[in-house]
Amino acid sequence: MKKVGFLICIAGSVAAILIPPYKLAGIGDPRWGFILADIVAAFGQHIRIYDHLDVQTLLMELIAINLIGVALILVSRK
């Protein structure tokens, strides 16, 4: 269980950072995309996902993933 909790913390955090949520123009629901990918805007311009990260949603994701992993690590000690 301890190894599973550690794996969830590491793999989940890496996945959350590589595929973060983003919002275009700060409106609407967040979408998820690969951090180095481009979005093709309505006028044919390419916009980097990195420029439009939804930081609040990303932080909530990271907190939830790591809470689950740490909980598994703590439960396995008993």
PDB file of N, CA and C in Angstrom:
ATOM      1  N   MET A   1       0.821  -1.193   0.000  1.00  0.00           N
ATOM      2  CA  MET A   1       0.000   0.000   0.000  1.00  0.00           C
ATOM      3  C   MET A   1       0.866   1.259   0.000  1.00  0.00           C
ATOM      4  N   LYS A   2       1.971   1.174   0.722  1.00  0.00           N
ATOM      5  CA  LYS A   2       2.843   2.340   0.802  1.00  0.00           C
ATOM      6  C   LYS A   2       3.406   2.701  -0.572  1.00  0.00           C
ATOM      7  N   LYS A   3       3.798   1.679  -1.333  1.00  0.00           N
ATOM      8  CA  LYS A   3       4.333   1.924  -2.672  1.00  0.00           C
ATOM      9  C   LYS A   3       3.253   2.458  -3.612  1.00  0.00           C
ATOM     10  N   VAL A   4       2.033   1.960  -3.446  1.00  0.00           N
ATOM     11  CA  VAL A   4       0.925   2.440  -4.281  1.00  0.00           C
ATOM     12  C   VAL A   4       0.648   3.915  -3.988  1.00  0.00           C
ATOM     13  N   GLY A   5       0.648   4.299  -2.713  1.00  0.00           N
ATOM     14  CA  GLY A   5       0.451   5.699  -2.343  1.00  0.00           C
ATOM     15  C   GLY A   5       1.540   6.592  -2.906  1.00  0.00           C
ATOM     16  N   PHE A   6       2.778   6.126  -2.816  1.00  0.00           N
ATOM     17  CA  PHE A   6       3.907   6.886  -3.365  1.00  0.00           C
ATOM     18  C   PHE A   6       3.785   7.006  -4.878  1.00  0.00           C
ATOM     19  N   LEU A   7       3.382   5.926  -5.542  1.00  0.00           N
ATOM     20  CA  LEU A   7       3.216   5.934  -6.989  1.00  0.00           C
ATOM     21  C   LEU A   7       2.095   6.890  -7.408  1.00  0.00           C
ATOM     22  N   ILE A   8       1.008   6.923  -6.646  1.00  0.00           N
ATOM     23  CA  ILE A   8      -0.090   7.844  -6.939  1.00  0.00           C
ATOM     24  C   ILE A   8       0.379   9.290  -6.812  1.00  0.00           C
ATOM     25  N   CYS A   9       1.135   9.580  -5.773  1.00  0.00           N
ATOM     26  CA  CYS A   9       1.643  10.953  -5.588  1.00  0.00           C
ATOM     27  C   CYS A   9       2.534  11.374  -6.750  1.00  0.00           C
ATOM     28  N   ILE A  10       3.485  10.536  -7.104  1.00  0.00           N
ATOM     29  CA  ILE A  10       4.449  10.897  -8.147  1.00  0.00           C
ATOM     30  C   ILE A  10       3.802  10.907  -9.536  1.00  0.00           C
ATOM     31  N   ALA A  11       3.180   9.790  -9.918  1.00  0.00           N
ATOM     32  CA  ALA A  11       2.614   9.683 -11.263  1.00  0.00           C
ATOM     33  C   ALA A  11       1.443  10.657 -11.451  1.00  0.00           C
ATOM     34  N   GLY A  12       0.626  10.812 -10.421  1.00  0.00           N
ATOM     35  CA  GLY A  12      -0.502  11.734 -10.519  1.00  0.00           C
ATOM     36  C   GLY A  12      -0.059  13.179 -10.659  1.00  0.00           C
ATOM     37  N   SER A  13       0.953  13.561  -9.908  1.00  0.00           N
ATOM     38  CA  SER A  13       1.465  14.931 -10.000  1.00  0.00           C
ATOM     39  C   SER A  13       2.086  15.210 -11.367  1.00  0.00           C
ATOM     40  N   VAL A  14       2.851  14.254 -11.867  1.00  0.00           N
ATOM     41  CA  VAL A  14       3.469  14.422 -13.188  1.00  0.00           C
ATOM     42  C   VAL A  14       2.392  14.525 -14.267  1.00  0.00           C
ATOM     43  N   ALA A  15       1.382  13.652 -14.192  1.00  0.00           N
ATOM     44  CA  ALA A  15       0.297  13.691 -15.182  1.00  0.00           C
ATOM     45  C   ALA A  15      -0.479  15.000 -15.099  1.00  0.00           C
ATOM     46  N   ALA A  16      -0.731  15.479 -13.879  1.00  0.00           N
ATOM     47  CA  ALA A  16      -1.476  16.730 -13.716  1.00  0.00           C
ATOM     48  C   ALA A  16      -0.695  17.918 -14.278  1.00  0.00           C
ATOM     49  N   ILE A  17       0.617  17.890 -14.157  1.00  0.00           N
ATOM     50  CA  ILE A  17       1.429  18.993 -14.659  1.00  0.00           C
ATOM     51  C   ILE A  17       1.592  18.913 -16.181  1.00  0.00           C
ATOM     52  N   LEU A  18       1.708  17.694 -16.726  1.00  0.00           N
ATOM     53  CA  LEU A  18       1.874  17.552 -18.175  1.00  0.00           C
ATOM     54  C   LEU A  18       0.575  17.768 -18.943  1.00  0.00           C
ATOM     55  N   ILE A  19      -0.568  17.507 -18.308  1.00  0.00           N
ATOM     56  CA  ILE A  19      -1.866  17.699 -18.955  1.00  0.00           C
ATOM     57  C   ILE A  19      -2.706  18.606 -18.057  1.00  0.00           C
ATOM     58  N   PRO A  20      -2.369  19.897 -18.010  1.00  0.00           N
ATOM     59  CA  PRO A  20      -3.049  20.813 -17.100  1.00  0.00           C
ATOM     60  C   PRO A  20      -4.367  21.348 -17.659  1.00  0.00           C
ATOM     61  N   PRO A  21      -5.203  21.883 -16.785  1.00  0.00           N
ATOM     62  CA  PRO A  21      -6.423  22.547 -17.256  1.00  0.00           C
ATOM     63  C   PRO A  21      -6.091  23.938 -17.778  1.00  0.00           C
ATOM     64  N   TYR A  22      -6.843  24.367 -18.777  1.00  0.00           N
ATOM     65  CA  TYR A  22      -6.652  25.718 -19.320  1.00  0.00           C
ATOM     66  C   TYR A  22      -8.007  26.308 -19.664  1.00  0.00           C
ATOM     67  N   LYS A  23      -8.072  27.611 -19.672  1.00  0.00           N
ATOM     68  CA  LYS A  23      -9.270  28.339 -20.088  1.00  0.00           C
ATOM     69  C   LYS A  23      -8.840  29.406 -21.084  1.00  0.00           C
ATOM     70  N   LEU A  24      -9.582  29.499 -22.156  1.00  0.00           N
ATOM     71  CA  LEU A  24      -9.316  30.567 -23.118  1.00  0.00           C
ATOM     72  C   LEU A  24     -10.072  31.806 -22.691  1.00  0.00           C
ATOM     73  N   ALA A  25      -9.395  32.905 -22.607  1.00  0.00           N
ATOM     74  CA  ALA A  25      -9.960  34.200 -22.202  1.00  0.00           C
ATOM     75  C   ALA A  25     -10.537  34.158 -20.798  1.00  0.00           C
ATOM     76  N   GLY A  26     -10.176  33.159 -20.009  1.00  0.00           N
ATOM     77  CA  GLY A  26     -10.615  33.086 -18.622  1.00  0.00           C
ATOM     78  C   GLY A  26     -12.081  32.784 -18.424  1.00  0.00           C
ATOM     79  N   ILE A  27     -12.782  32.351 -19.480  1.00  0.00           N
ATOM     80  CA  ILE A  27     -14.211  32.071 -19.345  1.00  0.00           C
ATOM     81  C   ILE A  27     -14.509  30.627 -19.733  1.00  0.00           C
ATOM     82  N   GLY A  28     -15.665  30.145 -19.304  1.00  0.00           N
ATOM     83  CA  GLY A  28     -16.079  28.793 -19.646  1.00  0.00           C
ATOM     84  C   GLY A  28     -15.479  27.759 -18.711  1.00  0.00           C
ATOM     85  N   ASP A  29     -15.808  26.524 -18.990  1.00  0.00           N
ATOM     86  CA  ASP A  29     -15.281  25.415 -18.199  1.00  0.00           C
ATOM     87  C   ASP A  29     -13.846  25.135 -18.615  1.00  0.00           C
ATOM     88  N   PRO A  30     -13.042  24.656 -17.657  1.00  0.00           N
ATOM     89  CA  PRO A  30     -11.662  24.326 -18.032  1.00  0.00           C
ATOM     90  C   PRO A  30     -11.617  23.105 -18.948  1.00  0.00           C
ATOM     91  N   ARG A  31     -10.644  23.100 -19.828  1.00  0.00           N
ATOM     92  CA  ARG A  31     -10.359  21.959 -20.693  1.00  0.00           C
ATOM     93  C   ARG A  31      -8.956  21.497 -20.363  1.00  0.00           C
ATOM     94  N   TRP A  32      -8.645  20.265 -20.691  1.00  0.00           N
ATOM     95  CA  TRP A  32      -7.331  19.731 -20.402  1.00  0.00           C
ATOM     96  C   TRP A  32      -6.596  19.468 -21.704  1.00  0.00           C
ATOM     97  N   GLY A  33      -5.305  19.772 -21.707  1.00  0.00           N
ATOM     98  CA  GLY A  33      -4.491  19.538 -22.897  1.00  0.00           C
ATOM     99  C   GLY A  33      -3.028  19.396 -22.525  1.00  0.00           C
ATOM    100  N   PHE A  34      -2.258  18.794 -23.413  1.00  0.00           N
ATOM    101  CA  PHE A  34      -0.822  18.617 -23.193  1.00  0.00           C
ATOM    102  C   PHE A  34      -0.152  19.984 -23.114  1.00  0.00           C
ATOM    103  N   ILE A  35       0.718  20.167 -22.152  1.00  0.00           N
ATOM    104  CA  ILE A  35       1.310  21.466 -21.825  1.00  0.00           C
ATOM    105  C   ILE A  35       2.068  22.090 -22.999  1.00  0.00           C
ATOM    106  N   LEU A  36       2.674  21.288 -23.858  1.00  0.00           N
ATOM    107  CA  LEU A  36       3.467  21.827 -24.966  1.00  0.00           C
ATOM    108  C   LEU A  36       2.683  21.918 -26.270  1.00  0.00           C
ATOM    109  N   ALA A  37       1.377  21.616 -26.230  1.00  0.00           N
ATOM    110  CA  ALA A  37       0.559  21.640 -27.444  1.00  0.00           C
ATOM    111  C   ALA A  37       0.081  23.059 -27.744  1.00  0.00           C
ATOM    112  N   ASP A  38      -0.441  23.216 -28.921  1.00  0.00           N
ATOM    113  CA  ASP A  38      -1.002  24.491 -29.368  1.00  0.00           C
ATOM    114  C   ASP A  38      -2.500  24.331 -29.591  1.00  0.00           C
ATOM    115  N   ILE A  39      -3.215  25.422 -29.425  1.00  0.00           N
ATOM    116  CA  ILE A  39      -4.630  25.481 -29.736  1.00  0.00           C
ATOM    117  C   ILE A  39      -4.742  26.358 -30.976  1.00  0.00           C
ATOM    118  N   VAL A  40      -5.536  25.948 -31.927  1.00  0.00           N
ATOM    119  CA  VAL A  40      -5.752  26.768 -33.112  1.00  0.00           C
ATOM    120  C   VAL A  40      -6.966  27.642 -32.831  1.00  0.00           C
ATOM    121  N   ALA A  41      -6.739  28.936 -32.791  1.00  0.00           N
ATOM    122  CA  ALA A  41      -7.809  29.892 -32.501  1.00  0.00           C
ATOM    123  C   ALA A  41      -8.725  30.035 -33.719  1.00  0.00           C
ATOM    124  N   ALA A  42      -9.815  30.763 -33.523  1.00  0.00           N
ATOM    125  CA  ALA A  42     -10.815  30.941 -34.574  1.00  0.00           C
ATOM    126  C   ALA A  42     -10.226  31.604 -35.821  1.00  0.00           C
ATOM    127  N   PHE A  43      -9.199  32.421 -35.647  1.00  0.00           N
ATOM    128  CA  PHE A  43      -8.621  33.142 -36.780  1.00  0.00           C
ATOM    129  C   PHE A  43      -7.382  32.459 -37.341  1.00  0.00           C
ATOM    130  N   GLY A  44      -7.140  31.215 -36.940  1.00  0.00           N
ATOM    131  CA  GLY A  44      -6.029  30.456 -37.482  1.00  0.00           C
ATOM    132  C   GLY A  44      -4.710  30.659 -36.759  1.00  0.00           C
ATOM    133  N   GLN A  45      -4.700  31.446 -35.704  1.00  0.00           N
ATOM    134  CA  GLN A  45      -3.467  31.650 -34.945  1.00  0.00           C
ATOM    135  C   GLN A  45      -3.286  30.500 -33.960  1.00  0.00           C
ATOM    136  N   HIS A  46      -2.053  30.195 -33.683  1.00  0.00           N
ATOM    137  CA  HIS A  46      -1.754  29.150 -32.710  1.00  0.00           C
ATOM    138  C   HIS A  46      -1.504  29.798 -31.350  1.00  0.00           C
ATOM    139  N   ILE A  47      -2.154  29.263 -30.337  1.00  0.00           N
ATOM    140  CA  ILE A  47      -2.010  29.768 -28.969  1.00  0.00           C
ATOM    141  C   ILE A  47      -1.456  28.630 -28.121  1.00  0.00           C
ATOM    142  N   ARG A  48      -0.450  28.909 -27.335  1.00  0.00           N
ATOM    143  CA  ARG A  48       0.121  27.880 -26.468  1.00  0.00           C
ATOM    144  C   ARG A  48      -0.784  27.675 -25.255  1.00  0.00           C
ATOM    145  N   ILE A  49      -0.998  26.425 -24.876  1.00  0.00           N
ATOM    146  CA  ILE A  49      -1.808  26.098 -23.700  1.00  0.00           C
ATOM    147  C   ILE A  49      -1.158  26.685 -22.446  1.00  0.00           C
ATOM    148  N   TYR A  50       0.163  26.679 -22.414  1.00  0.00           N
ATOM    149  CA  TYR A  50       0.897  27.186 -21.253  1.00  0.00           C
ATOM    150  C   TYR A  50       0.498  28.621 -20.903  1.00  0.00           C
ATOM    151  N   ASP A  51       0.126  29.413 -21.899  1.00  0.00           N
ATOM    152  CA  ASP A  51      -0.221  30.807 -21.664  1.00  0.00           C
ATOM    153  C   ASP A  51      -1.596  30.976 -21.021  1.00  0.00           C
ATOM    154  N   HIS A  52      -2.418  29.944 -21.018  1.00  0.00           N
ATOM    155  CA  HIS A  52      -3.792  30.060 -20.514  1.00  0.00           C
ATOM    156  C   HIS A  52      -4.102  29.033 -19.427  1.00  0.00           C
ATOM    157  N   LEU A  53      -3.136  28.709 -18.582  1.00  0.00           N
ATOM    158  CA  LEU A  53      -3.347  27.737 -17.514  1.00  0.00           C
ATOM    159  C   LEU A  53      -4.403  28.227 -16.524  1.00  0.00           C
ATOM    160  N   ASP A  54      -5.230  27.305 -16.068  1.00  0.00           N
ATOM    161  CA  ASP A  54      -6.178  27.584 -15.000  1.00  0.00           C
ATOM    162  C   ASP A  54      -5.514  27.122 -13.702  1.00  0.00           C
ATOM    163  N   VAL A  55      -4.817  28.025 -13.060  1.00  0.00           N
ATOM    164  CA  VAL A  55      -3.973  27.690 -11.916  1.00  0.00           C
ATOM    165  C   VAL A  55      -4.786  27.166 -10.741  1.00  0.00           C
ATOM    166  N   GLN A  56      -5.940  27.731 -10.475  1.00  0.00           N
ATOM    167  CA  GLN A  56      -6.752  27.284  -9.341  1.00  0.00           C
ATOM    168  C   GLN A  56      -7.177  25.829  -9.502  1.00  0.00           C
ATOM    169  N   THR A  57      -7.642  25.463 -10.682  1.00  0.00           N
ATOM    170  CA  THR A  57      -8.048  24.080 -10.922  1.00  0.00           C
ATOM    171  C   THR A  57      -6.851  23.142 -10.855  1.00  0.00           C
ATOM    172  N   LEU A  58      -5.716  23.575 -11.372  1.00  0.00           N
ATOM    173  CA  LEU A  58      -4.505  22.754 -11.323  1.00  0.00           C
ATOM    174  C   LEU A  58      -4.082  22.509  -9.878  1.00  0.00           C
ATOM    175  N   LEU A  59      -4.106  23.533  -9.055  1.00  0.00           N
ATOM    176  CA  LEU A  59      -3.742  23.363  -7.649  1.00  0.00           C
ATOM    177  C   LEU A  59      -4.705  22.436  -6.924  1.00  0.00           C
ATOM    178  N   MET A  60      -5.993  22.551  -7.196  1.00  0.00           N
ATOM    179  CA  MET A  60      -6.975  21.664  -6.577  1.00  0.00           C
ATOM    180  C   MET A  60      -6.742  20.216  -6.999  1.00  0.00           C
ATOM    181  N   GLU A  61      -6.388  20.013  -8.263  1.00  0.00           N
ATOM    182  CA  GLU A  61      -6.057  18.679  -8.758  1.00  0.00           C
ATOM    183  C   GLU A  61      -4.859  18.097  -8.020  1.00  0.00           C
ATOM    184  N   LEU A  62      -3.806  18.892  -7.920  1.00  0.00           N
ATOM    185  CA  LEU A  62      -2.586  18.428  -7.254  1.00  0.00           C
ATOM    186  C   LEU A  62      -2.834  18.119  -5.784  1.00  0.00           C
ATOM    187  N   ILE A  63      -3.603  18.965  -5.117  1.00  0.00           N
ATOM    188  CA  ILE A  63      -3.920  18.732  -3.704  1.00  0.00           C
ATOM    189  C   ILE A  63      -4.703  17.437  -3.543  1.00  0.00           C
ATOM    190  N   ALA A  64      -5.719  17.225  -4.369  1.00  0.00           N
ATOM    191  CA  ALA A  64      -6.543  16.010  -4.267  1.00  0.00           C
ATOM    192  C   ALA A  64      -5.718  14.752  -4.531  1.00  0.00           C
ATOM    193  N   ILE A  65      -4.903  14.773  -5.572  1.00  0.00           N
ATOM    194  CA  ILE A  65      -4.077  13.613  -5.907  1.00  0.00           C
ATOM    195  C   ILE A  65      -3.123  13.283  -4.761  1.00  0.00           C
ATOM    196  N   ASN A  66      -2.459  14.293  -4.232  1.00  0.00           N
ATOM    197  CA  ASN A  66      -1.480  14.045  -3.184  1.00  0.00           C
ATOM    198  C   ASN A  66      -2.135  13.687  -1.856  1.00  0.00           C
ATOM    199  N   LEU A  67      -3.328  14.191  -1.583  1.00  0.00           N
ATOM    200  CA  LEU A  67      -4.043  13.772  -0.374  1.00  0.00           C
ATOM    201  C   LEU A  67      -4.383  12.287  -0.427  1.00  0.00           C
ATOM    202  N   ILE A  68      -4.813  11.819  -1.581  1.00  0.00           N
ATOM    203  CA  ILE A  68      -5.109  10.392  -1.737  1.00  0.00           C
ATOM    204  C   ILE A  68      -3.848   9.559  -1.543  1.00  0.00           C
ATOM    205  N   GLY A  69      -2.752   9.966  -2.161  1.00  0.00           N
ATOM    206  CA  GLY A  69      -1.490   9.235  -2.021  1.00  0.00           C
ATOM    207  C   GLY A  69      -0.974   9.222  -0.608  1.00  0.00           C
ATOM    208  N   VAL A  70      -1.004  10.364   0.064  1.00  0.00           N
ATOM    209  CA  VAL A  70      -0.525  10.446   1.449  1.00  0.00           C
ATOM    210  C   VAL A  70      -1.437   9.639   2.377  1.00  0.00           C
ATOM    211  N   ALA A  71      -2.741   9.663   2.125  1.00  0.00           N
ATOM    212  CA  ALA A  71      -3.668   8.870   2.937  1.00  0.00           C
ATOM    213  C   ALA A  71      -3.357   7.378   2.817  1.00  0.00           C
ATOM    214  N   LEU A  72      -3.061   6.923   1.616  1.00  0.00           N
ATOM    215  CA  LEU A  72      -2.686   5.516   1.446  1.00  0.00           C
ATOM    216  C   LEU A  72      -1.382   5.188   2.163  1.00  0.00           C
ATOM    217  N   ILE A  73      -0.435   6.082   2.129  1.00  0.00           N
ATOM    218  CA  ILE A  73       0.836   5.869   2.819  1.00  0.00           C
ATOM    219  C   ILE A  73       0.601   5.799   4.323  1.00  0.00           C
ATOM    220  N   LEU A  74      -0.205   6.704   4.867  1.00  0.00           N
ATOM    221  CA  LEU A  74      -0.468   6.705   6.312  1.00  0.00           C
ATOM    222  C   LEU A  74      -1.274   5.499   6.741  1.00  0.00           C
ATOM    223  N   VAL A  75      -2.231   5.068   5.949  1.00  0.00           N
ATOM    224  CA  VAL A  75      -3.039   3.894   6.288  1.00  0.00           C
ATOM    225  C   VAL A  75      -2.181   2.637   6.264  1.00  0.00           C
ATOM    226  N   SER A  76      -1.209   2.558   5.395  1.00  0.00           N
ATOM    227  CA  SER A  76      -0.364   1.371   5.301  1.00  0.00           C
ATOM    228  C   SER A  76       0.582   1.235   6.488  1.00  0.00           C
ATOM    229  N   ARG A  77       0.833   2.316   7.198  1.00  0.00           N
ATOM    230  CA  ARG A  77       1.725   2.254   8.377  1.00  0.00           C
ATOM    231  C   ARG A  77       1.068   1.537   9.547  1.00  0.00           C
ATOM    232  N   LYS A  78      -0.236   1.589   9.622  1.00  0.00           N
ATOM    233  CA  LYS A  78      -0.929   0.993  10.776  1.00  0.00           C
ATOM    234  C   LYS A  78      -1.178  -0.467  10.610  1.00  0.00           C
TER     235      LYS A  78
END
